[in-house]
Full PDB file with SEQRES, HELIX, SHEET, SSBOND, CRYST1, ORIGX, SCALE, CONECT and MASTER records, all heavy atoms in Angstrom:
SEQRES   1 A   37  LEU ARG PRO GLU SER TYR MET GLN ASN ILE LEU GLY TYR          
SEQRES   2 A   37  GLN GLY ASP ASN ASN LEU ASN LYS ASN ILE LEU ARG SER          
SEQRES   3 A   37  TYR PHE GLY ASP ALA ILE LEU SER TRP VAL ASP                  
HELIX    1 AA1 MET A    7  ILE A   10  5                                   4    
SHEET    1 AA1 2 SER A   5  TYR A   6  0                                        
SHEET    2 AA1 2 TRP A  35  VAL A  36  1                                        
SHEET    1 AA2 2 LEU A  19  ASN A  20  0                                        
SHEET    2 AA2 2 ILE A  23  LEU A  24 -1                                        
CRYST1    1.000    1.000    1.000  90.00  90.00  90.00 P 1           1          
ORIGX1      1.000000  0.000000  0.000000        0.00000                         
ORIGX2      0.000000  1.000000  0.000000        0.00000                         
ORIGX3      0.000000  0.000000  1.000000        0.00000                         
SCALE1      1.000000  0.000000  0.000000        0.00000                         
SCALE2      0.000000  1.000000  0.000000        0.00000                         
SCALE3      0.000000  0.000000  1.000000        0.00000                         
ATOM      1  N   LEU A   1     -25.000   3.257 -17.477  1.00  0.00           N  
ATOM      2  CA  LEU A   1     -24.092   2.139 -17.776  1.00  0.00           C  
ATOM      3  C   LEU A   1     -23.290   2.560 -19.007  1.00  0.00           C  
ATOM      4  O   LEU A   1     -23.895   2.890 -20.055  1.00  0.00           O  
ATOM      5  CB  LEU A   1     -24.862   0.857 -18.052  1.00  0.00           C  
ATOM      6  CG  LEU A   1     -25.783   0.354 -16.930  1.00  0.00           C  
ATOM      7  CD1 LEU A   1     -26.434  -0.945 -17.314  1.00  0.00           C  
ATOM      8  CD2 LEU A   1     -25.013   0.220 -15.622  1.00  0.00           C  
ATOM      9  N   ARG A   2     -21.995   2.553 -18.883  1.00  0.00           N  
ATOM     10  CA  ARG A   2     -21.143   2.991 -19.991  1.00  0.00           C  
ATOM     11  C   ARG A   2     -20.172   1.898 -20.401  1.00  0.00           C  
ATOM     12  O   ARG A   2     -19.008   1.860 -19.973  1.00  0.00           O  
ATOM     13  CB  ARG A   2     -20.378   4.256 -19.595  1.00  0.00           C  
ATOM     14  CG  ARG A   2     -21.323   5.429 -19.394  1.00  0.00           C  
ATOM     15  CD  ARG A   2     -20.575   6.704 -19.240  1.00  0.00           C  
ATOM     16  NE  ARG A   2     -21.511   7.782 -19.050  1.00  0.00           N  
ATOM     17  CZ  ARG A   2     -21.228   8.950 -18.552  1.00  0.00           C  
ATOM     18  NH1 ARG A   2     -19.988   9.208 -18.195  1.00  0.00           N  
ATOM     19  NH2 ARG A   2     -22.141   9.867 -18.410  1.00  0.00           N  
ATOM     20  N   PRO A   3     -20.637   0.998 -21.246  1.00  0.00           N  
ATOM     21  CA  PRO A   3     -19.750  -0.082 -21.720  1.00  0.00           C  
ATOM     22  C   PRO A   3     -18.676   0.494 -22.631  1.00  0.00           C  
ATOM     23  O   PRO A   3     -18.931   1.442 -23.374  1.00  0.00           O  
ATOM     24  CB  PRO A   3     -20.685  -1.009 -22.466  1.00  0.00           C  
ATOM     25  CG  PRO A   3     -21.908  -0.214 -22.747  1.00  0.00           C  
ATOM     26  CD  PRO A   3     -21.996   0.891 -21.762  1.00  0.00           C  
ATOM     27  N   GLU A   4     -17.521  -0.084 -22.550  1.00  0.00           N  
ATOM     28  CA  GLU A   4     -16.420   0.320 -23.408  1.00  0.00           C  
ATOM     29  C   GLU A   4     -16.572  -0.420 -24.743  1.00  0.00           C  
ATOM     30  O   GLU A   4     -17.402  -0.047 -25.532  1.00  0.00           O  
ATOM     31  CB  GLU A   4     -15.092   0.014 -22.705  1.00  0.00           C  
ATOM     32  CG  GLU A   4     -14.915   0.768 -21.390  1.00  0.00           C  
ATOM     33  CD  GLU A   4     -14.738   2.273 -21.566  1.00  0.00           C  
ATOM     34  OE1 GLU A   4     -13.974   2.707 -22.446  1.00  0.00           O  
ATOM     35  OE2 GLU A   4     -15.366   3.029 -20.794  1.00  0.00           O  
ATOM     36  N   SER A   5     -15.834  -1.513 -24.962  1.00  0.00           N  
ATOM     37  CA  SER A   5     -15.903  -2.243 -26.244  1.00  0.00           C  
ATOM     38  C   SER A   5     -16.553  -3.604 -26.016  1.00  0.00           C  
ATOM     39  O   SER A   5     -16.126  -4.352 -25.156  1.00  0.00           O  
ATOM     40  CB  SER A   5     -14.498  -2.453 -26.811  1.00  0.00           C  
ATOM     41  OG  SER A   5     -13.887  -1.206 -27.049  1.00  0.00           O  
ATOM     42  N   TYR A   6     -17.595  -3.880 -26.769  1.00  0.00           N  
ATOM     43  CA  TYR A   6     -18.311  -5.154 -26.633  1.00  0.00           C  
ATOM     44  C   TYR A   6     -17.499  -6.305 -27.218  1.00  0.00           C  
ATOM     45  O   TYR A   6     -17.055  -6.242 -28.385  1.00  0.00           O  
ATOM     46  CB  TYR A   6     -19.653  -5.096 -27.356  1.00  0.00           C  
ATOM     47  CG  TYR A   6     -20.639  -4.112 -26.773  1.00  0.00           C  
ATOM     48  CD1 TYR A   6     -21.065  -3.041 -27.526  1.00  0.00           C  
ATOM     49  CD2 TYR A   6     -21.116  -4.263 -25.485  1.00  0.00           C  
ATOM     50  CE1 TYR A   6     -21.982  -2.147 -27.010  1.00  0.00           C  
ATOM     51  CE2 TYR A   6     -22.040  -3.381 -24.952  1.00  0.00           C  
ATOM     52  CZ  TYR A   6     -22.476  -2.321 -25.713  1.00  0.00           C  
ATOM     53  OH  TYR A   6     -23.375  -1.445 -25.200  1.00  0.00           O  
ATOM     54  N   MET A   7     -17.397  -7.382 -26.470  1.00  0.00           N  
ATOM     55  CA  MET A   7     -16.731  -8.580 -26.990  1.00  0.00           C  
ATOM     56  C   MET A   7     -17.413  -9.098 -28.252  1.00  0.00           C  
ATOM     57  O   MET A   7     -16.743  -9.618 -29.139  1.00  0.00           O  
ATOM     58  CB  MET A   7     -16.679  -9.657 -25.907  1.00  0.00           C  
ATOM     59  CG  MET A   7     -15.767  -9.325 -24.751  1.00  0.00           C  
ATOM     60  SD  MET A   7     -15.778 -10.646 -23.526  1.00  0.00           S  
ATOM     61  CE  MET A   7     -14.793  -9.866 -22.237  1.00  0.00           C  
ATOM     62  N   GLN A   8     -18.732  -8.962 -28.319  1.00  0.00           N  
ATOM     63  CA  GLN A   8     -19.457  -9.458 -29.499  1.00  0.00           C  
ATOM     64  C   GLN A   8     -19.012  -8.772 -30.774  1.00  0.00           C  
ATOM     65  O   GLN A   8     -19.137  -9.347 -31.857  1.00  0.00           O  
ATOM     66  CB  GLN A   8     -20.952  -9.259 -29.263  1.00  0.00           C  
ATOM     67  CG  GLN A   8     -21.587 -10.295 -28.347  1.00  0.00           C  
ATOM     68  CD  GLN A   8     -21.230 -10.163 -26.872  1.00  0.00           C  
ATOM     69  OE1 GLN A   8     -20.650  -9.165 -26.423  1.00  0.00           O  
ATOM     70  NE2 GLN A   8     -21.591 -11.134 -26.085  1.00  0.00           N  
ATOM     71  N   ASN A   9     -18.458  -7.568 -30.683  1.00  0.00           N  
ATOM     72  CA  ASN A   9     -17.961  -6.899 -31.887  1.00  0.00           C  
ATOM     73  C   ASN A   9     -16.728  -7.555 -32.473  1.00  0.00           C  
ATOM     74  O   ASN A   9     -16.362  -7.279 -33.607  1.00  0.00           O  
ATOM     75  CB  ASN A   9     -17.680  -5.409 -31.600  1.00  0.00           C  
ATOM     76  CG  ASN A   9     -18.956  -4.615 -31.430  1.00  0.00           C  
ATOM     77  OD1 ASN A   9     -20.038  -5.060 -31.794  1.00  0.00           O  
ATOM     78  ND2 ASN A   9     -18.828  -3.438 -30.864  1.00  0.00           N  
ATOM     79  N   ILE A  10     -16.091  -8.431 -31.691  1.00  0.00           N  
ATOM     80  CA  ILE A  10     -14.978  -9.216 -32.234  1.00  0.00           C  
ATOM     81  C   ILE A  10     -15.496 -10.108 -33.374  1.00  0.00           C  
ATOM     82  O   ILE A  10     -14.800 -10.341 -34.347  1.00  0.00           O  
ATOM     83  CB  ILE A  10     -14.311 -10.053 -31.132  1.00  0.00           C  
ATOM     84  CG1 ILE A  10     -13.657  -9.137 -30.095  1.00  0.00           C  
ATOM     85  CG2 ILE A  10     -13.319 -11.058 -31.687  1.00  0.00           C  
ATOM     86  CD1 ILE A  10     -13.230  -9.837 -28.799  1.00  0.00           C  
ATOM     87  N   LEU A  11     -16.717 -10.571 -33.246  1.00  0.00           N  
ATOM     88  CA  LEU A  11     -17.303 -11.470 -34.236  1.00  0.00           C  
ATOM     89  C   LEU A  11     -17.793 -10.722 -35.470  1.00  0.00           C  
ATOM     90  O   LEU A  11     -17.772 -11.265 -36.575  1.00  0.00           O  
ATOM     91  CB  LEU A  11     -18.463 -12.239 -33.613  1.00  0.00           C  
ATOM     92  CG  LEU A  11     -18.145 -13.025 -32.349  1.00  0.00           C  
ATOM     93  CD1 LEU A  11     -19.413 -13.648 -31.770  1.00  0.00           C  
ATOM     94  CD2 LEU A  11     -17.071 -14.050 -32.580  1.00  0.00           C  
ATOM     95  N   GLY A  12     -18.237  -9.504 -35.295  1.00  0.00           N  
ATOM     96  CA  GLY A  12     -18.742  -8.710 -36.426  1.00  0.00           C  
ATOM     97  C   GLY A  12     -19.512  -7.524 -35.908  1.00  0.00           C  
ATOM     98  O   GLY A  12     -19.901  -7.478 -34.734  1.00  0.00           O  
ATOM     99  N   TYR A  13     -19.761  -6.575 -36.758  1.00  0.00           N  
ATOM    100  CA  TYR A  13     -20.434  -5.355 -36.373  1.00  0.00           C  
ATOM    101  C   TYR A  13     -21.451  -4.969 -37.435  1.00  0.00           C  
ATOM    102  O   TYR A  13     -21.129  -4.893 -38.627  1.00  0.00           O  
ATOM    103  CB  TYR A  13     -19.425  -4.226 -36.195  1.00  0.00           C  
ATOM    104  CG  TYR A  13     -20.030  -2.953 -35.644  1.00  0.00           C  
ATOM    105  CD1 TYR A  13     -20.367  -2.869 -34.294  1.00  0.00           C  
ATOM    106  CD2 TYR A  13     -20.294  -1.899 -36.470  1.00  0.00           C  
ATOM    107  CE1 TYR A  13     -20.939  -1.721 -33.795  1.00  0.00           C  
ATOM    108  CE2 TYR A  13     -20.868  -0.733 -35.958  1.00  0.00           C  
ATOM    109  CZ  TYR A  13     -21.180  -0.653 -34.615  1.00  0.00           C  
ATOM    110  OH  TYR A  13     -21.765   0.476 -34.124  1.00  0.00           O  
ATOM    111  N   GLN A  14     -22.698  -4.759 -37.051  1.00  0.00           N  
ATOM    112  CA  GLN A  14     -23.765  -4.346 -37.963  1.00  0.00           C  
ATOM    113  C   GLN A  14     -23.890  -5.267 -39.157  1.00  0.00           C  
ATOM    114  O   GLN A  14     -24.083  -4.843 -40.283  1.00  0.00           O  
ATOM    115  CB  GLN A  14     -23.535  -2.908 -38.440  1.00  0.00           C  
ATOM    116  CG  GLN A  14     -23.656  -1.884 -37.357  1.00  0.00           C  
ATOM    117  CD  GLN A  14     -25.093  -1.709 -36.878  1.00  0.00           C  
ATOM    118  OE1 GLN A  14     -26.026  -1.896 -37.628  1.00  0.00           O  
ATOM    119  NE2 GLN A  14     -25.239  -1.366 -35.613  1.00  0.00           N  
ATOM    120  N   GLY A  15     -23.732  -6.572 -38.905  1.00  0.00           N  
ATOM    121  CA  GLY A  15     -23.958  -7.550 -39.971  1.00  0.00           C  
ATOM    122  C   GLY A  15     -22.738  -7.887 -40.800  1.00  0.00           C  
ATOM    123  O   GLY A  15     -22.779  -8.793 -41.623  1.00  0.00           O  
ATOM    124  N   ASP A  16     -21.636  -7.185 -40.592  1.00  0.00           N  
ATOM    125  CA  ASP A  16     -20.432  -7.593 -41.313  1.00  0.00           C  
ATOM    126  C   ASP A  16     -19.775  -8.763 -40.595  1.00  0.00           C  
ATOM    127  O   ASP A  16     -20.281  -9.208 -39.559  1.00  0.00           O  
ATOM    128  CB  ASP A  16     -19.431  -6.421 -41.492  1.00  0.00           C  
ATOM    129  CG  ASP A  16     -18.881  -5.894 -40.189  1.00  0.00           C  
ATOM    130  OD1 ASP A  16     -19.367  -6.310 -39.100  1.00  0.00           O  
ATOM    131  OD2 ASP A  16     -17.971  -5.067 -40.236  1.00  0.00           O  
ATOM    132  N   ASN A  17     -18.723  -9.289 -41.109  1.00  0.00           N  
ATOM    133  CA  ASN A  17     -18.077 -10.442 -40.506  1.00  0.00           C  
ATOM    134  C   ASN A  17     -16.614 -10.136 -40.318  1.00  0.00           C  
ATOM    135  O   ASN A  17     -15.871 -10.004 -41.262  1.00  0.00           O  
ATOM    136  CB  ASN A  17     -18.264 -11.666 -41.410  1.00  0.00           C  
ATOM    137  CG  ASN A  17     -17.682 -12.917 -40.801  1.00  0.00           C  
ATOM    138  OD1 ASN A  17     -17.121 -12.911 -39.718  1.00  0.00           O  
ATOM    139  ND2 ASN A  17     -17.787 -14.023 -41.518  1.00  0.00           N  
ATOM    140  N   ASN A  18     -16.191 -10.006 -39.060  1.00  0.00           N  
ATOM    141  CA  ASN A  18     -14.792  -9.712 -38.755  1.00  0.00           C  
ATOM    142  C   ASN A  18     -13.901 -10.924 -38.909  1.00  0.00           C  
ATOM    143  O   ASN A  18     -12.688 -10.788 -38.910  1.00  0.00           O  
ATOM    144  CB  ASN A  18     -14.644  -9.207 -37.301  1.00  0.00           C  
ATOM    145  CG  ASN A  18     -15.169  -7.803 -37.133  1.00  0.00           C  
ATOM    146  OD1 ASN A  18     -15.537  -7.153 -38.087  1.00  0.00           O  
ATOM    147  ND2 ASN A  18     -15.177  -7.350 -35.911  1.00  0.00           N  
ATOM    148  N   LEU A  19     -14.498 -12.080 -38.987  1.00  0.00           N  
ATOM    149  CA  LEU A  19     -13.735 -13.327 -38.993  1.00  0.00           C  
ATOM    150  C   LEU A  19     -13.870 -14.005 -40.340  1.00  0.00           C  
ATOM    151  O   LEU A  19     -14.863 -14.641 -40.632  1.00  0.00           O  
ATOM    152  CB  LEU A  19     -14.262 -14.266 -37.902  1.00  0.00           C  
ATOM    153  CG  LEU A  19     -14.329 -13.671 -36.510  1.00  0.00           C  
ATOM    154  CD1 LEU A  19     -15.088 -14.587 -35.578  1.00  0.00           C  
ATOM    155  CD2 LEU A  19     -12.954 -13.404 -35.973  1.00  0.00           C  
ATOM    156  N   ASN A  20     -12.866 -13.858 -41.179  1.00  0.00           N  
ATOM    157  CA  ASN A  20     -12.912 -14.453 -42.499  1.00  0.00           C  
ATOM    158  C   ASN A  20     -11.562 -15.063 -42.802  1.00  0.00           C  
ATOM    159  O   ASN A  20     -10.557 -14.357 -42.805  1.00  0.00           O  
ATOM    160  CB  ASN A  20     -13.264 -13.377 -43.543  1.00  0.00           C  
ATOM    161  CG  ASN A  20     -13.567 -13.957 -44.889  1.00  0.00           C  
ATOM    162  OD1 ASN A  20     -13.659 -15.166 -45.053  1.00  0.00           O  
ATOM    163  ND2 ASN A  20     -13.689 -13.084 -45.874  1.00  0.00           N  
ATOM    164  N   LYS A  21     -11.553 -16.367 -43.026  1.00  0.00           N  
ATOM    165  CA  LYS A  21     -10.316 -17.078 -43.339  1.00  0.00           C  
ATOM    166  C   LYS A  21      -9.239 -16.880 -42.273  1.00  0.00           C  
ATOM    167  O   LYS A  21      -8.093 -16.575 -42.576  1.00  0.00           O  
ATOM    168  CB  LYS A  21      -9.819 -16.706 -44.728  1.00  0.00           C  
ATOM    169  CG  LYS A  21     -10.815 -17.047 -45.807  1.00  0.00           C  
ATOM    170  CD  LYS A  21     -10.305 -16.678 -47.182  1.00  0.00           C  
ATOM    171  CE  LYS A  21     -11.368 -16.974 -48.211  1.00  0.00           C  
ATOM    172  NZ  LYS A  21     -11.029 -16.513 -49.534  1.00  0.00           N  
ATOM    173  N   ASN A  22      -9.659 -16.989 -41.022  1.00  0.00           N  
ATOM    174  CA  ASN A  22      -8.749 -16.873 -39.866  1.00  0.00           C  
ATOM    175  C   ASN A  22      -8.060 -15.509 -39.775  1.00  0.00           C  
ATOM    176  O   ASN A  22      -6.952 -15.404 -39.288  1.00  0.00           O  
ATOM    177  CB  ASN A  22      -7.735 -18.008 -39.861  1.00  0.00           C  
ATOM    178  CG  ASN A  22      -8.391 -19.349 -39.673  1.00  0.00           C  
ATOM    179  OD1 ASN A  22      -9.592 -19.513 -39.901  1.00  0.00           O  
ATOM    180  ND2 ASN A  22      -7.650 -20.319 -39.243  1.00  0.00           N  
ATOM    181  N   ILE A  23      -8.763 -14.507 -40.246  1.00  0.00           N  
ATOM    182  CA  ILE A  23      -8.265 -13.134 -40.112  1.00  0.00           C  
ATOM    183  C   ILE A  23      -9.274 -12.359 -39.289  1.00  0.00           C  
ATOM    184  O   ILE A  23     -10.459 -12.330 -39.598  1.00  0.00           O  
ATOM    185  CB  ILE A  23      -8.102 -12.482 -41.505  1.00  0.00           C  
ATOM    186  CG1 ILE A  23      -7.048 -13.222 -42.300  1.00  0.00           C  
ATOM    187  CG2 ILE A  23      -7.731 -10.991 -41.349  1.00  0.00           C  
ATOM    188  CD1 ILE A  23      -6.904 -12.777 -43.735  1.00  0.00           C  
ATOM    189  N   LEU A  24      -8.785 -11.750 -38.206  1.00  0.00           N  
ATOM    190  CA  LEU A  24      -9.595 -10.876 -37.371  1.00  0.00           C  
ATOM    191  C   LEU A  24      -9.398  -9.462 -37.845  1.00  0.00           C  
ATOM    192  O   LEU A  24      -8.257  -8.981 -37.902  1.00  0.00           O  
ATOM    193  CB  LEU A  24      -9.162 -11.044 -35.902  1.00  0.00           C  
ATOM    194  CG  LEU A  24      -9.817 -10.148 -34.868  1.00  0.00           C  
ATOM    195  CD1 LEU A  24     -11.311 -10.415 -34.822  1.00  0.00           C  
ATOM    196  CD2 LEU A  24      -9.192 -10.376 -33.523  1.00  0.00           C  
ATOM    197  N   ARG A  25     -10.465  -8.795 -38.212  1.00  0.00           N  
ATOM    198  CA  ARG A  25     -10.379  -7.444 -38.768  1.00  0.00           C  
ATOM    199  C   ARG A  25     -11.008  -6.440 -37.830  1.00  0.00           C  
ATOM    200  O   ARG A  25     -11.970  -6.740 -37.122  1.00  0.00           O  
ATOM    201  CB  ARG A  25     -11.127  -7.393 -40.106  1.00  0.00           C  
ATOM    202  CG  ARG A  25     -10.591  -8.306 -41.146  1.00  0.00           C  
ATOM    203  CD  ARG A  25     -11.458  -8.382 -42.414  1.00  0.00           C  
ATOM    204  NE  ARG A  25     -12.153  -7.148 -42.726  1.00  0.00           N  
ATOM    205  CZ  ARG A  25     -13.476  -7.042 -42.777  1.00  0.00           C  
ATOM    206  NH1 ARG A  25     -14.257  -8.075 -42.560  1.00  0.00           N  
ATOM    207  NH2 ARG A  25     -14.047  -5.900 -43.100  1.00  0.00           N  
ATOM    208  N   SER A  26     -10.498  -5.211 -37.844  1.00  0.00           N  
ATOM    209  CA  SER A  26     -11.140  -4.104 -37.169  1.00  0.00           C  
ATOM    210  C   SER A  26     -10.674  -2.795 -37.787  1.00  0.00           C  
ATOM    211  O   SER A  26      -9.727  -2.774 -38.568  1.00  0.00           O  
ATOM    212  CB  SER A  26     -10.850  -4.104 -35.667  1.00  0.00           C  
ATOM    213  OG  SER A  26      -9.714  -3.343 -35.357  1.00  0.00           O  
ATOM    214  N   TYR A  27     -11.332  -1.737 -37.381  1.00  0.00           N  
ATOM    215  CA  TYR A  27     -10.987  -0.386 -37.859  1.00  0.00           C  
ATOM    216  C   TYR A  27     -10.296   0.426 -36.766  1.00  0.00           C  
ATOM    217  O   TYR A  27     -10.191   1.629 -36.883  1.00  0.00           O  
ATOM    218  CB  TYR A  27     -12.271   0.325 -38.322  1.00  0.00           C  
ATOM    219  CG  TYR A  27     -13.036  -0.459 -39.337  1.00  0.00           C  
ATOM    220  CD1 TYR A  27     -14.156  -1.194 -38.992  1.00  0.00           C  
ATOM    221  CD2 TYR A  27     -12.619  -0.508 -40.669  1.00  0.00           C  
ATOM    222  CE1 TYR A  27     -14.858  -1.934 -39.927  1.00  0.00           C  
ATOM    223  CE2 TYR A  27     -13.312  -1.250 -41.620  1.00  0.00           C  
ATOM    224  CZ  TYR A  27     -14.447  -1.948 -41.238  1.00  0.00           C  
ATOM    225  OH  TYR A  27     -15.120  -2.686 -42.162  1.00  0.00           O  
ATOM    226  N   PHE A  28      -9.819  -0.241 -35.721  1.00  0.00           N  
ATOM    227  CA  PHE A  28      -9.215   0.424 -34.573  1.00  0.00           C  
ATOM    228  C   PHE A  28      -7.699   0.505 -34.629  1.00  0.00           C  
ATOM    229  O   PHE A  28      -7.076   1.010 -33.697  1.00  0.00           O  
ATOM    230  CB  PHE A  28      -9.599  -0.269 -33.267  1.00  0.00           C  
ATOM    231  CG  PHE A  28     -10.940   0.108 -32.758  1.00  0.00           C  
ATOM    232  CD1 PHE A  28     -12.013  -0.781 -32.852  1.00  0.00           C  
ATOM    233  CD2 PHE A  28     -11.178   1.349 -32.176  1.00  0.00           C  
ATOM    234  CE1 PHE A  28     -13.269  -0.414 -32.373  1.00  0.00           C  
ATOM    235  CE2 PHE A  28     -12.421   1.716 -31.698  1.00  0.00           C  
ATOM    236  CZ  PHE A  28     -13.451   0.827 -31.791  1.00  0.00           C  
ATOM    237  N   GLY A  29      -7.090   0.007 -35.670  1.00  0.00           N  
ATOM    238  CA  GLY A  29      -5.632   0.043 -35.755  1.00  0.00           C  
ATOM    239  C   GLY A  29      -5.028  -0.750 -34.610  1.00  0.00           C  
ATOM    240  O   GLY A  29      -5.453  -1.871 -34.338  1.00  0.00           O  
ATOM    241  N   ASP A  30      -4.076  -0.132 -33.923  1.00  0.00           N  
ATOM    242  CA  ASP A  30      -3.378  -0.807 -32.818  1.00  0.00           C  
ATOM    243  C   ASP A  30      -3.895  -0.416 -31.446  1.00  0.00           C  
ATOM    244  O   ASP A  30      -3.237  -0.669 -30.423  1.00  0.00           O  
ATOM    245  CB  ASP A  30      -1.881  -0.496 -32.905  1.00  0.00           C  
ATOM    246  CG  ASP A  30      -1.251  -1.051 -34.169  1.00  0.00           C  
ATOM    247  OD1 ASP A  30      -1.675  -2.135 -34.628  1.00  0.00           O  
ATOM    248  OD2 ASP A  30      -0.348  -0.393 -34.720  1.00  0.00           O  
ATOM    249  N   ALA A  31      -5.053   0.217 -31.378  1.00  0.00           N  
ATOM    250  CA  ALA A  31      -5.589   0.691 -30.113  1.00  0.00           C  
ATOM    251  C   ALA A  31      -5.808  -0.442 -29.125  1.00  0.00           C  
ATOM    252  O   ALA A  31      -6.223  -1.550 -29.509  1.00  0.00           O  
ATOM    253  CB  ALA A  31      -6.909   1.430 -30.348  1.00  0.00           C  
ATOM    254  N   ILE A  32      -5.545  -0.188 -27.880  1.00  0.00           N  
ATOM    255  CA  ILE A  32      -5.854  -1.117 -26.800  1.00  0.00           C  
ATOM    256  C   ILE A  32      -7.218  -0.691 -26.259  1.00  0.00           C  
ATOM    257  O   ILE A  32      -7.406   0.450 -25.860  1.00  0.00           O  
ATOM    258  CB  ILE A  32      -4.786  -1.093 -25.697  1.00  0.00           C  
ATOM    259  CG1 ILE A  32      -3.446  -1.565 -26.266  1.00  0.00           C  
ATOM    260  CG2 ILE A  32      -5.194  -1.947 -24.516  1.00  0.00           C  
ATOM    261  CD1 ILE A  32      -2.272  -1.398 -25.334  1.00  0.00           C  
ATOM    262  N   LEU A  33      -8.135  -1.641 -26.278  1.00  0.00           N  
ATOM    263  CA  LEU A  33      -9.511  -1.355 -25.857  1.00  0.00           C  
ATOM    264  C   LEU A  33      -9.837  -2.130 -24.584  1.00  0.00           C  
ATOM    265  O   LEU A  33      -9.216  -3.125 -24.261  1.00  0.00           O  
ATOM    266  CB  LEU A  33     -10.491  -1.761 -26.966  1.00  0.00           C  
ATOM    267  CG  LEU A  33     -10.206  -1.117 -28.317  1.00  0.00           C  
ATOM    268  CD1 LEU A  33     -11.122  -1.733 -29.377  1.00  0.00           C  
ATOM    269  CD2 LEU A  33     -10.426   0.388 -28.266  1.00  0.00           C  
ATOM    270  N   SER A  34     -10.818  -1.650 -23.873  1.00  0.00           N  
ATOM    271  CA  SER A  34     -11.315  -2.289 -22.671  1.00  0.00           C  
ATOM    272  C   SER A  34     -12.601  -3.045 -23.028  1.00  0.00           C  
ATOM    273  O   SER A  34     -13.543  -2.462 -23.540  1.00  0.00           O  
ATOM    274  CB  SER A  34     -11.607  -1.216 -21.595  1.00  0.00           C  
ATOM    275  OG  SER A  34     -12.125  -1.784 -20.454  1.00  0.00           O  
ATOM    276  N   TRP A  35     -12.635  -4.365 -22.756  1.00  0.00           N  
ATOM    277  CA  TRP A  35     -13.680  -5.251 -23.268  1.00  0.00           C  
ATOM    278  C   TRP A  35     -14.678  -5.666 -22.213  1.00  0.00           C  
ATOM    279  O   TRP A  35     -14.324  -5.944 -21.065  1.00  0.00           O  
ATOM    280  CB  TRP A  35     -13.014  -6.490 -23.870  1.00  0.00           C  
ATOM    281  CG  TRP A  35     -12.157  -6.132 -25.032  1.00  0.00           C  
ATOM    282  CD1 TRP A  35     -10.814  -5.875 -25.023  1.00  0.00           C  
ATOM    283  CD2 TRP A  35     -12.576  -5.951 -26.382  1.00  0.00           C  
ATOM    284  NE1 TRP A  35     -10.377  -5.550 -26.279  1.00  0.00           N  
ATOM    285  CE2 TRP A  35     -11.436  -5.591 -27.132  1.00  0.00           C  
ATOM    286  CE3 TRP A  35     -13.817  -6.079 -27.013  1.00  0.00           C  
ATOM    287  CZ2 TRP A  35     -11.500  -5.346 -28.500  1.00  0.00           C  
ATOM    288  CZ3 TRP A  35     -13.859  -5.824 -28.377  1.00  0.00           C  
ATOM    289  CH2 TRP A  35     -12.707  -5.478 -29.105  1.00  0.00           C  
ATOM    290  N   VAL A  36     -15.936  -5.787 -22.638  1.00  0.00           N  
ATOM    291  CA  VAL A  36     -17.009  -6.277 -21.791  1.00  0.00           C  
ATOM    292  C   VAL A  36     -17.967  -7.132 -22.640  1.00  0.00           C  
ATOM    293  O   VAL A  36     -18.227  -6.797 -23.812  1.00  0.00           O  
ATOM    294  CB  VAL A  36     -17.794  -5.108 -21.123  1.00  0.00           C  
ATOM    295  CG1 VAL A  36     -18.431  -4.180 -22.114  1.00  0.00           C  
ATOM    296  CG2 VAL A  36     -18.822  -5.651 -20.117  1.00  0.00           C  
ATOM    297  N   ASP A  37     -18.410  -8.225 -22.071  1.00  0.00           N  
ATOM    298  CA  ASP A  37     -19.401  -9.092 -22.740  1.00  0.00           C  
ATOM    299  C   ASP A  37     -20.775  -8.460 -22.570  1.00  0.00           C  
ATOM    300  O   ASP A  37     -21.125  -7.985 -21.490  1.00  0.00           O  
ATOM    301  CB  ASP A  37     -19.359 -10.472 -22.100  1.00  0.00           C  
ATOM    302  CG  ASP A  37     -20.150 -11.525 -22.852  1.00  0.00           C  
ATOM    303  OD1 ASP A  37     -21.301 -11.217 -23.263  1.00  0.00           O  
ATOM    304  OD2 ASP A  37     -19.660 -12.659 -22.997  1.00  0.00           O  
TER     305      ASP A  37                                                      
MASTER        0    0    0    1    4    0    0    6  304    1    0    3          
END                                                                             
């Protein structure tokens, strides 16, 4: 099973918080990713 990008990582990764003050953060720049829950 080879998942691409987990939807749960939208919320945070390894205990960090991607969602702070209505800002969604990531380290992927402008990359288009394929998502799976």
